[in-house]
Amino acid sequence: MNIKHFTAIAAVAAACTLAAPAVSQAATPTGVERAAAVVAAGNASGHFTGDGVNIRSGPGTGYSSNGQGQSGQSVSIYCYYYANYGDSGRKWYYLKDKATNVTGFVSSAYIKVTSGAVGYCL
């Protein structure tokens, strides 16, 4: 790693540390909660392209299902992430099913984005 790259990383880390609110360790949000917190609700919209699509607790098929979406049901899409488990390289959307209010991750293979831009989950 060169010094310029290291300096940039250190500057970003310092800025994040200064901007972070004081939170007890017990109340520290999970990665999924952080992902949801850093984006405005409903940046993009779309719908499921299949029936019985699992809405998972994390970005990959190794995560448990929070519920299922049905073809045509509308979703609010907050951001995208890449899979952690055996689905590496596959894009997963963090979203909310508007019909059931279930939030979680769904593979981009089963979502059609119809409006808005979807950014990376921070």
PDB file of N, CA and C in Angstrom:
ATOM      1  N   MET A   1       0.857  -1.169   0.000  1.00  0.00           N
ATOM      2  CA  MET A   1       0.000   0.000   0.000  1.00  0.00           C
ATOM      3  C   MET A   1       0.907   1.237   0.000  1.00  0.00           C
ATOM      4  N   ASN A   2       0.638   2.165  -0.906  1.00  0.00           N
ATOM      5  CA  ASN A   2       1.472   3.362  -0.929  1.00  0.00           C
ATOM      6  C   ASN A   2       0.958   4.387   0.085  1.00  0.00           C
ATOM      7  N   ILE A   3       1.793   5.364   0.386  1.00  0.00           N
ATOM      8  CA  ILE A   3       1.485   6.349   1.438  1.00  0.00           C
ATOM      9  C   ILE A   3       0.271   7.210   1.075  1.00  0.00           C
ATOM     10  N   LYS A   4       0.109   7.504  -0.200  1.00  0.00           N
ATOM     11  CA  LYS A   4      -1.031   8.323  -0.635  1.00  0.00           C
ATOM     12  C   LYS A   4      -2.348   7.574  -0.373  1.00  0.00           C
ATOM     13  N   HIS A   5      -2.374   6.282  -0.714  1.00  0.00           N
ATOM     14  CA  HIS A   5      -3.570   5.469  -0.495  1.00  0.00           C
ATOM     15  C   HIS A   5      -3.854   5.338   1.004  1.00  0.00           C
ATOM     16  N   PHE A   6      -2.791   5.101   1.797  1.00  0.00           N
ATOM     17  CA  PHE A   6      -2.936   4.965   3.241  1.00  0.00           C
ATOM     18  C   PHE A   6      -3.467   6.253   3.861  1.00  0.00           C
ATOM     19  N   THR A   7      -2.946   7.398   3.420  1.00  0.00           N
ATOM     20  CA  THR A   7      -3.372   8.694   3.943  1.00  0.00           C
ATOM     21  C   THR A   7      -4.860   8.929   3.651  1.00  0.00           C
ATOM     22  N   ALA A   8      -5.305   8.553   2.453  1.00  0.00           N
ATOM     23  CA  ALA A   8      -6.718   8.734   2.097  1.00  0.00           C
ATOM     24  C   ALA A   8      -7.605   7.870   2.981  1.00  0.00           C
ATOM     25  N   ILE A   9      -7.189   6.632   3.221  1.00  0.00           N
ATOM     26  CA  ILE A   9      -7.969   5.735   4.075  1.00  0.00           C
ATOM     27  C   ILE A   9      -8.016   6.278   5.497  1.00  0.00           C
ATOM     28  N   ALA A  10      -6.891   6.755   6.006  1.00  0.00           N
ATOM     29  CA  ALA A  10      -6.836   7.296   7.364  1.00  0.00           C
ATOM     30  C   ALA A  10      -7.742   8.523   7.497  1.00  0.00           C
ATOM     31  N   ALA A  11      -7.774   9.364   6.473  1.00  0.00           N
ATOM     32  CA  ALA A  11      -8.613  10.573   6.511  1.00  0.00           C
ATOM     33  C   ALA A  11     -10.098  10.201   6.547  1.00  0.00           C
ATOM     34  N   VAL A  12     -10.484   9.222   5.740  1.00  0.00           N
ATOM     35  CA  VAL A  12     -11.882   8.781   5.727  1.00  0.00           C
ATOM     36  C   VAL A  12     -12.247   8.161   7.072  1.00  0.00           C
ATOM     37  N   ALA A  13     -11.363   7.334   7.604  1.00  0.00           N
ATOM     38  CA  ALA A  13     -11.629   6.704   8.903  1.00  0.00           C
ATOM     39  C   ALA A  13     -11.779   7.751  10.002  1.00  0.00           C
ATOM     40  N   ALA A  14     -10.930   8.765   9.986  1.00  0.00           N
ATOM     41  CA  ALA A  14     -11.011   9.823  10.997  1.00  0.00           C
ATOM     42  C   ALA A  14     -12.317  10.598  10.860  1.00  0.00           C
ATOM     43  N   ALA A  15     -12.716  10.899   9.634  1.00  0.00           N
ATOM     44  CA  ALA A  15     -13.960  11.642   9.410  1.00  0.00           C
ATOM     45  C   ALA A  15     -15.156  10.830   9.895  1.00  0.00           C
ATOM     46  N   CYS A  16     -15.149   9.536   9.618  1.00  0.00           N
ATOM     47  CA  CYS A  16     -16.255   8.679  10.064  1.00  0.00           C
ATOM     48  C   CYS A  16     -16.303   8.597  11.580  1.00  0.00           C
ATOM     49  N   THR A  17     -15.149   8.544  12.194  1.00  0.00           N
ATOM     50  CA  THR A  17     -15.091   8.467  13.648  1.00  0.00           C
ATOM     51  C   THR A  17     -15.629   9.745  14.270  1.00  0.00           C
ATOM     52  N   LEU A  18     -15.264  10.890  13.703  1.00  0.00           N
ATOM     53  CA  LEU A  18     -15.730  12.170  14.240  1.00  0.00           C
ATOM     54  C   LEU A  18     -17.226  12.356  14.028  1.00  0.00           C
ATOM     55  N   ALA A  19     -17.744  11.866  12.904  1.00  0.00           N
ATOM     56  CA  ALA A  19     -19.149  12.084  12.583  1.00  0.00           C
ATOM     57  C   ALA A  19     -20.069  11.076  13.254  1.00  0.00           C
ATOM     58  N   ALA A  20     -19.527   9.987  13.745  1.00  0.00           N
ATOM     59  CA  ALA A  20     -20.361   8.939  14.334  1.00  0.00           C
ATOM     60  C   ALA A  20     -20.928   9.380  15.679  1.00  0.00           C
ATOM     61  N   PRO A  21     -22.215   9.134  15.904  1.00  0.00           N
ATOM     62  CA  PRO A  21     -22.809   9.489  17.192  1.00  0.00           C
ATOM     63  C   PRO A  21     -22.319   8.542  18.279  1.00  0.00           C
ATOM     64  N   ALA A  22     -22.330   9.026  19.509  1.00  0.00           N
ATOM     65  CA  ALA A  22     -21.924   8.186  20.632  1.00  0.00           C
ATOM     66  C   ALA A  22     -23.033   7.183  20.906  1.00  0.00           C
ATOM     67  N   VAL A  23     -22.719   5.901  20.765  1.00  0.00           N
ATOM     68  CA  VAL A  23     -23.693   4.834  20.962  1.00  0.00           C
ATOM     69  C   VAL A  23     -23.037   3.763  21.816  1.00  0.00           C
ATOM     70  N   SER A  24     -23.771   3.222  22.758  1.00  0.00           N
ATOM     71  CA  SER A  24     -23.213   2.157  23.579  1.00  0.00           C
ATOM     72  C   SER A  24     -22.964   0.928  22.716  1.00  0.00           C
ATOM     73  N   GLN A  25     -22.025   0.092  23.129  1.00  0.00           N
ATOM     74  CA  GLN A  25     -21.691  -1.103  22.364  1.00  0.00           C
ATOM     75  C   GLN A  25     -22.909  -2.002  22.190  1.00  0.00           C
ATOM     76  N   ALA A  26     -23.756  -2.099  23.204  1.00  0.00           N
ATOM     77  CA  ALA A  26     -24.933  -2.955  23.136  1.00  0.00           C
ATOM     78  C   ALA A  26     -25.932  -2.468  22.090  1.00  0.00           C
ATOM     79  N   ALA A  27     -25.935  -1.169  21.802  1.00  0.00           N
ATOM     80  CA  ALA A  27     -26.901  -0.605  20.867  1.00  0.00           C
ATOM     81  C   ALA A  27     -26.339  -0.452  19.462  1.00  0.00           C
ATOM     82  N   THR A  28     -25.112  -0.915  19.218  1.00  0.00           N
ATOM     83  CA  THR A  28     -24.503  -0.779  17.899  1.00  0.00           C
ATOM     84  C   THR A  28     -25.338  -1.528  16.871  1.00  0.00           C
ATOM     85  N   PRO A  29     -25.739  -0.858  15.792  1.00  0.00           N
ATOM     86  CA  PRO A  29     -26.587  -1.508  14.801  1.00  0.00           C
ATOM     87  C   PRO A  29     -25.817  -2.548  13.991  1.00  0.00           C
ATOM     88  N   THR A  30     -26.545  -3.500  13.444  1.00  0.00           N
ATOM     89  CA  THR A  30     -25.945  -4.505  12.571  1.00  0.00           C
ATOM     90  C   THR A  30     -25.658  -3.878  11.221  1.00  0.00           C
ATOM     91  N   GLY A  31     -24.948  -4.606  10.376  1.00  0.00           N
ATOM     92  CA  GLY A  31     -24.648  -4.119   9.029  1.00  0.00           C
ATOM     93  C   GLY A  31     -25.899  -3.827   8.233  1.00  0.00           C
ATOM     94  N   VAL A  32     -26.902  -4.672   8.377  1.00  0.00           N
ATOM     95  CA  VAL A  32     -28.162  -4.468   7.659  1.00  0.00           C
ATOM     96  C   VAL A  32     -28.845  -3.202   8.146  1.00  0.00           C
ATOM     97  N   GLU A  33     -28.856  -2.979   9.468  1.00  0.00           N
ATOM     98  CA  GLU A  33     -29.475  -1.764  10.016  1.00  0.00           C
ATOM     99  C   GLU A  33     -28.708  -0.521   9.568  1.00  0.00           C
ATOM    100  N   ARG A  34     -27.380  -0.601   9.536  1.00  0.00           N
ATOM    101  CA  ARG A  34     -26.585   0.530   9.055  1.00  0.00           C
ATOM    102  C   ARG A  34     -26.911   0.814   7.599  1.00  0.00           C
ATOM    103  N   ALA A  35     -27.045  -0.247   6.805  1.00  0.00           N
ATOM    104  CA  ALA A  35     -27.361  -0.078   5.383  1.00  0.00           C
ATOM    105  C   ALA A  35     -28.666   0.681   5.222  1.00  0.00           C
ATOM    106  N   ALA A  36     -29.651   0.322   6.024  1.00  0.00           N
ATOM    107  CA  ALA A  36     -30.956   0.981   5.938  1.00  0.00           C
ATOM    108  C   ALA A  36     -30.893   2.411   6.442  1.00  0.00           C
ATOM    109  N   ALA A  37     -30.065   2.664   7.438  1.00  0.00           N
ATOM    110  CA  ALA A  37     -30.012   3.976   8.056  1.00  0.00           C
ATOM    111  C   ALA A  37     -29.341   5.022   7.182  1.00  0.00           C
ATOM    112  N   VAL A  38     -28.455   4.610   6.284  1.00  0.00           N
ATOM    113  CA  VAL A  38     -27.681   5.585   5.530  1.00  0.00           C
ATOM    114  C   VAL A  38     -28.336   6.005   4.224  1.00  0.00           C
ATOM    115  N   VAL A  39     -29.456   5.418   3.901  1.00  0.00           N
ATOM    116  CA  VAL A  39     -30.126   5.786   2.657  1.00  0.00           C
ATOM    117  C   VAL A  39     -31.507   6.329   2.945  1.00  0.00           C
ATOM    118  N   ALA A  40     -31.952   7.205   2.097  1.00  0.00           N
ATOM    119  CA  ALA A  40     -33.304   7.751   2.263  1.00  0.00           C
ATOM    120  C   ALA A  40     -34.315   6.686   1.863  1.00  0.00           C
ATOM    121  N   ALA A  41     -35.423   6.664   2.566  1.00  0.00           N
ATOM    122  CA  ALA A  41     -36.463   5.668   2.287  1.00  0.00           C
ATOM    123  C   ALA A  41     -36.951   5.777   0.851  1.00  0.00           C
ATOM    124  N   GLY A  42     -36.953   4.642   0.171  1.00  0.00           N
ATOM    125  CA  GLY A  42     -37.538   4.570  -1.163  1.00  0.00           C
ATOM    126  C   GLY A  42     -36.793   5.317  -2.243  1.00  0.00           C
ATOM    127  N   ASN A  43     -35.449   5.208  -2.293  1.00  0.00           N
ATOM    128  CA  ASN A  43     -34.688   5.847  -3.358  1.00  0.00           C
ATOM    129  C   ASN A  43     -35.142   5.378  -4.731  1.00  0.00           C
ATOM    130  N   ALA A  44     -35.493   4.117  -4.826  1.00  0.00           N
ATOM    131  CA  ALA A  44     -35.913   3.544  -6.102  1.00  0.00           C
ATOM    132  C   ALA A  44     -37.127   2.654  -5.849  1.00  0.00           C
ATOM    133  N   SER A  45     -37.836   2.365  -6.916  1.00  0.00           N
ATOM    134  CA  SER A  45     -38.993   1.483  -6.843  1.00  0.00           C
ATOM    135  C   SER A  45     -38.835   0.366  -7.853  1.00  0.00           C
ATOM    136  N   GLY A  46     -39.540  -0.717  -7.581  1.00  0.00           N
ATOM    137  CA  GLY A  46     -39.514  -1.842  -8.497  1.00  0.00           C
ATOM    138  C   GLY A  46     -40.566  -2.847  -8.099  1.00  0.00           C
ATOM    139  N   HIS A  47     -40.421  -4.070  -8.637  1.00  0.00           N
ATOM    140  CA  HIS A  47     -41.342  -5.140  -8.285  1.00  0.00           C
ATOM    141  C   HIS A  47     -40.659  -6.497  -8.435  1.00  0.00           C
ATOM    142  N   PHE A  48     -41.243  -7.511  -7.767  1.00  0.00           N
ATOM    143  CA  PHE A  48     -40.745  -8.875  -7.870  1.00  0.00           C
ATOM    144  C   PHE A  48     -41.075  -9.427  -9.258  1.00  0.00           C
ATOM    145  N   THR A  49     -40.166 -10.245  -9.801  1.00  0.00           N
ATOM    146  CA  THR A  49     -40.395 -10.843 -11.113  1.00  0.00           C
ATOM    147  C   THR A  49     -40.744 -12.324 -11.019  1.00  0.00           C
ATOM    148  N   GLY A  50     -40.889 -12.836  -9.804  1.00  0.00           N
ATOM    149  CA  GLY A  50     -41.241 -14.243  -9.623  1.00  0.00           C
ATOM    150  C   GLY A  50     -42.061 -14.430  -8.371  1.00  0.00           C
ATOM    151  N   ASP A  51     -42.658 -15.605  -8.230  1.00  0.00           N
ATOM    152  CA  ASP A  51     -43.459 -15.926  -7.052  1.00  0.00           C
ATOM    153  C   ASP A  51     -42.614 -16.654  -6.019  1.00  0.00           C
ATOM    154  N   GLY A  52     -42.899 -16.412  -4.737  1.00  0.00           N
ATOM    155  CA  GLY A  52     -42.192 -17.091  -3.659  1.00  0.00           C
ATOM    156  C   GLY A  52     -40.729 -16.700  -3.545  1.00  0.00           C
ATOM    157  N   VAL A  53     -40.425 -15.457  -3.885  1.00  0.00           N
ATOM    158  CA  VAL A  53     -39.046 -14.968  -3.824  1.00  0.00           C
ATOM    159  C   VAL A  53     -38.688 -14.680  -2.367  1.00  0.00           C
ATOM    160  N   ASN A  54     -37.628 -15.313  -1.879  1.00  0.00           N
ATOM    161  CA  ASN A  54     -37.204 -15.121  -0.493  1.00  0.00           C
ATOM    162  C   ASN A  54     -36.643 -13.725  -0.264  1.00  0.00           C
ATOM    163  N   ILE A  55     -37.108 -13.094   0.799  1.00  0.00           N
ATOM    164  CA  ILE A  55     -36.563 -11.818   1.275  1.00  0.00           C
ATOM    165  C   ILE A  55     -35.669 -12.211   2.448  1.00  0.00           C
ATOM    166  N   ARG A  56     -34.356 -12.142   2.249  1.00  0.00           N
ATOM    167  CA  ARG A  56     -33.413 -12.716   3.204  1.00  0.00           C
ATOM    168  C   ARG A  56     -32.861 -11.685   4.186  1.00  0.00           C
ATOM    169  N   SER A  57     -32.364 -12.206   5.318  1.00  0.00           N
ATOM    170  CA  SER A  57     -31.821 -11.345   6.370  1.00  0.00           C
ATOM    171  C   SER A  57     -30.435 -10.805   6.021  1.00  0.00           C
ATOM    172  N   GLY A  58     -29.816 -11.302   4.986  1.00  0.00           N
ATOM    173  CA  GLY A  58     -28.510 -10.831   4.526  1.00  0.00           C
ATOM    174  C   GLY A  58     -28.354 -11.105   3.044  1.00  0.00           C
ATOM    175  N   PRO A  59     -27.294 -10.564   2.433  1.00  0.00           N
ATOM    176  CA  PRO A  59     -27.105 -10.679   0.980  1.00  0.00           C
ATOM    177  C   PRO A  59     -26.502 -12.015   0.551  1.00  0.00           C
ATOM    178  N   GLY A  60     -27.291 -13.069   0.526  1.00  0.00           N
ATOM    179  CA  GLY A  60     -26.828 -14.368   0.077  1.00  0.00           C
ATOM    180  C   GLY A  60     -27.817 -15.446   0.459  1.00  0.00           C
ATOM    181  N   THR A  61     -27.762 -16.588  -0.220  1.00  0.00           N
ATOM    182  CA  THR A  61     -28.717 -17.663   0.044  1.00  0.00           C
ATOM    183  C   THR A  61     -28.450 -18.366   1.365  1.00  0.00           C
ATOM    184  N   GLY A  62     -27.304 -18.123   1.989  1.00  0.00           N
ATOM    185  CA  GLY A  62     -27.014 -18.706   3.291  1.00  0.00           C
ATOM    186  C   GLY A  62     -27.729 -18.027   4.441  1.00  0.00           C
ATOM    187  N   TYR A  63     -28.384 -16.915   4.185  1.00  0.00           N
ATOM    188  CA  TYR A  63     -29.116 -16.189   5.223  1.00  0.00           C
ATOM    189  C   TYR A  63     -30.554 -16.680   5.293  1.00  0.00           C
ATOM    190  N   SER A  64     -31.158 -16.551   6.455  1.00  0.00           N
ATOM    191  CA  SER A  64     -32.545 -16.995   6.647  1.00  0.00           C
ATOM    192  C   SER A  64     -33.513 -16.079   5.895  1.00  0.00           C
ATOM    193  N   SER A  65     -34.710 -16.597   5.664  1.00  0.00           N
ATOM    194  CA  SER A  65     -35.745 -15.838   4.969  1.00  0.00           C
ATOM    195  C   SER A  65     -36.601 -15.083   5.980  1.00  0.00           C
ATOM    196  N   ASN A  66     -36.844 -13.800   5.703  1.00  0.00           N
ATOM    197  CA  ASN A  66     -37.733 -12.983   6.526  1.00  0.00           C
ATOM    198  C   ASN A  66     -39.175 -13.088   6.042  1.00  0.00           C
ATOM    199  N   GLY A  67     -39.351 -13.580   4.837  1.00  0.00           N
ATOM    200  CA  GLY A  67     -40.662 -13.673   4.204  1.00  0.00           C
ATOM    201  C   GLY A  67     -40.468 -13.894   2.716  1.00  0.00           C
ATOM    202  N   GLN A  68     -41.562 -13.857   1.968  1.00  0.00           N
ATOM    203  CA  GLN A  68     -41.489 -14.058   0.532  1.00  0.00           C
ATOM    204  C   GLN A  68     -42.294 -13.008  -0.207  1.00  0.00           C
ATOM    205  N   GLY A  69     -41.798 -12.660  -1.392  1.00  0.00           N
ATOM    206  CA  GLY A  69     -42.490 -11.730  -2.262  1.00  0.00           C
ATOM    207  C   GLY A  69     -43.129 -12.462  -3.424  1.00  0.00           C
ATOM    208  N   GLN A  70     -44.142 -11.859  -4.001  1.00  0.00           N
ATOM    209  CA  GLN A  70     -44.871 -12.458  -5.115  1.00  0.00           C
ATOM    210  C   GLN A  70     -44.736 -11.592  -6.362  1.00  0.00           C
ATOM    211  N   SER A  71     -44.803 -12.231  -7.496  1.00  0.00           N
ATOM    212  CA  SER A  71     -44.649 -11.553  -8.775  1.00  0.00           C
ATOM    213  C   SER A  71     -45.554 -10.330  -8.875  1.00  0.00           C
ATOM    214  N   GLY A  72     -44.958  -9.215  -9.256  1.00  0.00           N
ATOM    215  CA  GLY A  72     -45.712  -7.982  -9.436  1.00  0.00           C
ATOM    216  C   GLY A  72     -45.834  -7.114  -8.202  1.00  0.00           C
ATOM    217  N   GLN A  73     -45.582  -7.664  -6.992  1.00  0.00           N
ATOM    218  CA  GLN A  73     -45.662  -6.851  -5.772  1.00  0.00           C
ATOM    219  C   GLN A  73     -44.614  -5.746  -5.820  1.00  0.00           C
ATOM    220  N   SER A  74     -45.001  -4.555  -5.416  1.00  0.00           N
ATOM    221  CA  SER A  74     -44.113  -3.395  -5.433  1.00  0.00           C
ATOM    222  C   SER A  74     -43.134  -3.420  -4.264  1.00  0.00           C
ATOM    223  N   VAL A  75     -41.939  -2.884  -4.516  1.00  0.00           N
ATOM    224  CA  VAL A  75     -40.906  -2.785  -3.483  1.00  0.00           C
ATOM    225  C   VAL A  75     -40.276  -1.401  -3.507  1.00  0.00           C
ATOM    226  N   SER A  76     -39.836  -0.948  -2.344  1.00  0.00           N
ATOM    227  CA  SER A  76     -38.982   0.226  -2.226  1.00  0.00           C
ATOM    228  C   SER A  76     -37.556  -0.311  -2.126  1.00  0.00           C
ATOM    229  N   ILE A  77     -36.684   0.134  -2.999  1.00  0.00           N
ATOM    230  CA  ILE A  77     -35.310  -0.363  -3.027  1.00  0.00           C
ATOM    231  C   ILE A  77     -34.406   0.709  -2.440  1.00  0.00           C
ATOM    232  N   TYR A  78     -33.675   0.330  -1.373  1.00  0.00           N
ATOM    233  CA  TYR A  78     -32.827   1.282  -0.662  1.00  0.00           C
ATOM    234  C   TYR A  78     -31.403   1.332  -1.205  1.00  0.00           C
ATOM    235  N   CYS A  79     -30.810   0.165  -1.438  1.00  0.00           N
ATOM    236  CA  CYS A  79     -29.420   0.113  -1.892  1.00  0.00           C
ATOM    237  C   CYS A  79     -29.101  -1.309  -2.318  1.00  0.00           C
ATOM    238  N   TYR A  80     -27.881  -1.529  -2.847  1.00  0.00           N
ATOM    239  CA  TYR A  80     -27.485  -2.885  -3.217  1.00  0.00           C
ATOM    240  C   TYR A  80     -26.195  -3.281  -2.522  1.00  0.00           C
ATOM    241  N   TYR A  81     -25.975  -4.567  -2.447  1.00  0.00           N
ATOM    242  CA  TYR A  81     -24.830  -5.168  -1.781  1.00  0.00           C
ATOM    243  C   TYR A  81     -24.415  -6.368  -2.613  1.00  0.00           C
ATOM    244  N   TYR A  82     -23.223  -6.870  -2.406  1.00  0.00           N
ATOM    245  CA  TYR A  82     -22.818  -8.106  -3.076  1.00  0.00           C
ATOM    246  C   TYR A  82     -22.840  -9.260  -2.088  1.00  0.00           C
ATOM    247  N   ALA A  83     -23.168 -10.450  -2.571  1.00  0.00           N
ATOM    248  CA  ALA A  83     -23.360 -11.637  -1.736  1.00  0.00           C
ATOM    249  C   ALA A  83     -22.138 -11.975  -0.908  1.00  0.00           C
ATOM    250  N   ASN A  84     -22.379 -12.497   0.306  1.00  0.00           N
ATOM    251  CA  ASN A  84     -21.312 -12.938   1.203  1.00  0.00           C
ATOM    252  C   ASN A  84     -21.070 -14.433   1.109  1.00  0.00           C
ATOM    253  N   TYR A  85     -22.115 -15.200   0.917  1.00  0.00           N
ATOM    254  CA  TYR A  85     -21.992 -16.657   0.885  1.00  0.00           C
ATOM    255  C   TYR A  85     -21.756 -17.128  -0.539  1.00  0.00           C
ATOM    256  N   GLY A  86     -22.092 -18.352  -0.872  1.00  0.00           N
ATOM    257  CA  GLY A  86     -21.782 -18.988  -2.137  1.00  0.00           C
ATOM    258  C   GLY A  86     -22.256 -18.271  -3.384  1.00  0.00           C
ATOM    259  N   ASP A  87     -22.843 -17.112  -3.249  1.00  0.00           N
ATOM    260  CA  ASP A  87     -23.352 -16.358  -4.400  1.00  0.00           C
ATOM    261  C   ASP A  87     -22.434 -15.191  -4.737  1.00  0.00           C
ATOM    262  N   SER A  88     -21.149 -15.303  -4.467  1.00  0.00           N
ATOM    263  CA  SER A  88     -20.271 -14.141  -4.611  1.00  0.00           C
ATOM    264  C   SER A  88     -20.359 -13.550  -6.010  1.00  0.00           C
ATOM    265  N   GLY A  89     -20.333 -12.252  -6.038  1.00  0.00           N
ATOM    266  CA  GLY A  89     -20.446 -11.515  -7.282  1.00  0.00           C
ATOM    267  C   GLY A  89     -21.870 -11.166  -7.658  1.00  0.00           C
ATOM    268  N   ARG A  90     -22.852 -11.799  -7.036  1.00  0.00           N
ATOM    269  CA  ARG A  90     -24.240 -11.508  -7.363  1.00  0.00           C
ATOM    270  C   ARG A  90     -24.706 -10.283  -6.573  1.00  0.00           C
ATOM    271  N   LYS A  91     -25.380  -9.397  -7.242  1.00  0.00           N
ATOM    272  CA  LYS A  91     -25.907  -8.185  -6.603  1.00  0.00           C
ATOM    273  C   LYS A  91     -27.207  -8.513  -5.877  1.00  0.00           C
ATOM    274  N   TRP A  92     -27.330  -7.992  -4.647  1.00  0.00           N
ATOM    275  CA  TRP A  92     -28.535  -8.165  -3.842  1.00  0.00           C
ATOM    276  C   TRP A  92     -29.048  -6.786  -3.454  1.00  0.00           C
ATOM    277  N   TYR A  93     -30.367  -6.578  -3.615  1.00  0.00           N
ATOM    278  CA  TYR A  93     -30.996  -5.324  -3.229  1.00  0.00           C
ATOM    279  C   TYR A  93     -31.486  -5.411  -1.793  1.00  0.00           C
ATOM    280  N   TYR A  94     -31.239  -4.347  -1.021  1.00  0.00           N
ATOM    281  CA  TYR A  94     -31.863  -4.215   0.295  1.00  0.00           C
ATOM    282  C   TYR A  94     -33.148  -3.441   0.047  1.00  0.00           C
ATOM    283  N   LEU A  95     -34.285  -4.018   0.409  1.00  0.00           N
ATOM    284  CA  LEU A  95     -35.570  -3.428   0.027  1.00  0.00           C
ATOM    285  C   LEU A  95     -36.649  -3.691   1.060  1.00  0.00           C
ATOM    286  N   LYS A  96     -37.789  -3.074   0.796  1.00  0.00           N
ATOM    287  CA  LYS A  96     -38.989  -3.302   1.609  1.00  0.00           C
ATOM    288  C   LYS A  96     -40.120  -3.683   0.671  1.00  0.00           C
ATOM    289  N   ASP A  97     -40.764  -4.797   0.985  1.00  0.00           N
ATOM    290  CA  ASP A  97     -41.945  -5.240   0.247  1.00  0.00           C
ATOM    291  C   ASP A  97     -43.099  -4.335   0.682  1.00  0.00           C
ATOM    292  N   LYS A  98     -43.639  -3.574  -0.239  1.00  0.00           N
ATOM    293  CA  LYS A  98     -44.692  -2.614   0.117  1.00  0.00           C
ATOM    294  C   LYS A  98     -45.987  -3.287   0.557  1.00  0.00           C
ATOM    295  N   ALA A  99     -46.243  -4.503   0.105  1.00  0.00           N
ATOM    296  CA  ALA A  99     -47.479  -5.200   0.472  1.00  0.00           C
ATOM    297  C   ALA A  99     -47.421  -5.746   1.897  1.00  0.00           C
ATOM    298  N   THR A 100     -46.237  -6.206   2.333  1.00  0.00           N
ATOM    299  CA  THR A 100     -46.125  -6.857   3.639  1.00  0.00           C
ATOM    300  C   THR A 100     -45.282  -6.082   4.646  1.00  0.00           C
ATOM    301  N   ASN A 101     -44.587  -5.037   4.180  1.00  0.00           N
ATOM    302  CA  ASN A 101     -43.657  -4.247   4.994  1.00  0.00           C
ATOM    303  C   ASN A 101     -42.450  -5.058   5.491  1.00  0.00           C
ATOM    304  N   VAL A 102     -42.184  -6.204   4.887  1.00  0.00           N
ATOM    305  CA  VAL A 102     -41.007  -7.009   5.228  1.00  0.00           C
ATOM    306  C   VAL A 102     -39.791  -6.388   4.543  1.00  0.00           C
ATOM    307  N   THR A 103     -38.709  -6.213   5.312  1.00  0.00           N
ATOM    308  CA  THR A 103     -37.468  -5.701   4.744  1.00  0.00           C
ATOM    309  C   THR A 103     -36.415  -6.801   4.718  1.00  0.00           C
ATOM    310  N   GLY A 104     -35.495  -6.689   3.785  1.00  0.00           N
ATOM    311  CA  GLY A 104     -34.407  -7.649   3.673  1.00  0.00           C
ATOM    312  C   GLY A 104     -33.761  -7.577   2.307  1.00  0.00           C
ATOM    313  N   PHE A 105     -32.966  -8.589   2.016  1.00  0.00           N
ATOM    314  CA  PHE A 105     -32.209  -8.645   0.770  1.00  0.00           C
ATOM    315  C   PHE A 105     -32.832  -9.628  -0.212  1.00  0.00           C
ATOM    316  N   VAL A 106     -32.861  -9.230  -1.491  1.00  0.00           N
ATOM    317  CA  VAL A 106     -33.359 -10.080  -2.568  1.00  0.00           C
ATOM    318  C   VAL A 106     -32.366  -9.991  -3.717  1.00  0.00           C
ATOM    319  N   SER A 107     -32.054 -11.134  -4.309  1.00  0.00           N
ATOM    320  CA  SER A 107     -31.157 -11.161  -5.458  1.00  0.00           C
ATOM    321  C   SER A 107     -31.721 -10.277  -6.568  1.00  0.00           C
ATOM    322  N   SER A 108     -30.824  -9.556  -7.228  1.00  0.00           N
ATOM    323  CA  SER A 108     -31.243  -8.681  -8.328  1.00  0.00           C
ATOM    324  C   SER A 108     -31.866  -9.472  -9.474  1.00  0.00           C
ATOM    325  N   ALA A 109     -31.637 -10.781  -9.510  1.00  0.00           N
ATOM    326  CA  ALA A 109     -32.228 -11.619 -10.555  1.00  0.00           C
ATOM    327  C   ALA A 109     -33.754 -11.671 -10.445  1.00  0.00           C
ATOM    328  N   TYR A 110     -34.296 -11.331  -9.264  1.00  0.00           N
ATOM    329  CA  TYR A 110     -35.737 -11.434  -9.028  1.00  0.00           C
ATOM    330  C   TYR A 110     -36.424 -10.092  -8.827  1.00  0.00           C
ATOM    331  N   ILE A 111     -35.720  -9.008  -9.150  1.00  0.00           N
ATOM    332  CA  ILE A 111     -36.277  -7.664  -8.984  1.00  0.00           C
ATOM    333  C   ILE A 111     -36.131  -6.879 -10.279  1.00  0.00           C
ATOM    334  N   LYS A 112     -37.189  -6.205 -10.658  1.00  0.00           N
ATOM    335  CA  LYS A 112     -37.156  -5.291 -11.798  1.00  0.00           C
ATOM    336  C   LYS A 112     -37.226  -3.875 -11.240  1.00  0.00           C
ATOM    337  N   VAL A 113     -36.177  -3.078 -11.441  1.00  0.00           N
ATOM    338  CA  VAL A 113     -36.168  -1.674 -11.011  1.00  0.00           C
ATOM    339  C   VAL A 113     -36.954  -0.884 -12.051  1.00  0.00           C
ATOM    340  N   THR A 114     -37.956  -0.138 -11.587  1.00  0.00           N
ATOM    341  CA  THR A 114     -38.807   0.606 -12.512  1.00  0.00           C
ATOM    342  C   THR A 114     -38.600   2.110 -12.451  1.00  0.00           C
ATOM    343  N   SER A 115     -38.037   2.609 -11.338  1.00  0.00           N
ATOM    344  CA  SER A 115     -37.758   4.050 -11.256  1.00  0.00           C
ATOM    345  C   SER A 115     -36.696   4.313 -10.203  1.00  0.00           C
ATOM    346  N   GLY A 116     -35.973   5.410 -10.402  1.00  0.00           N
ATOM    347  CA  GLY A 116     -34.957   5.822  -9.440  1.00  0.00           C
ATOM    348  C   GLY A 116     -33.625   5.141  -9.658  1.00  0.00           C
ATOM    349  N   ALA A 117     -32.655   5.590  -8.877  1.00  0.00           N
ATOM    350  CA  ALA A 117     -31.301   5.036  -8.935  1.00  0.00           C
ATOM    351  C   ALA A 117     -31.012   4.279  -7.647  1.00  0.00           C
ATOM    352  N   VAL A 118     -30.343   3.151  -7.774  1.00  0.00           N
ATOM    353  CA  VAL A 118     -30.007   2.327  -6.616  1.00  0.00           C
ATOM    354  C   VAL A 118     -28.514   2.445  -6.368  1.00  0.00           C
ATOM    355  N   GLY A 119     -28.148   2.959  -5.185  1.00  0.00           N
ATOM    356  CA  GLY A 119     -26.747   3.098  -4.824  1.00  0.00           C
ATOM    357  C   GLY A 119     -26.269   1.952  -3.957  1.00  0.00           C
ATOM    358  N   TYR A 120     -24.954   1.902  -3.760  1.00  0.00           N
ATOM    359  CA  TYR A 120     -24.327   0.857  -2.951  1.00  0.00           C
ATOM    360  C   TYR A 120     -24.625   1.094  -1.473  1.00  0.00           C
ATOM    361  N   CYS A 121     -24.935   0.017  -0.740  1.00  0.00           N
ATOM    362  CA  CYS A 121     -25.143   0.110   0.717  1.00  0.00           C
ATOM    363  C   CYS A 121     -23.824   0.462   1.388  1.00  0.00           C
ATOM    364  N   LEU A 122     -23.822   1.458   2.222  1.00  0.00           N
ATOM    365  CA  LEU A 122     -22.587   1.861   2.920  1.00  0.00           C
ATOM    366  C   LEU A 122     -22.404   1.080   4.179  1.00  0.00           C
TER     367      LEU A 122
END
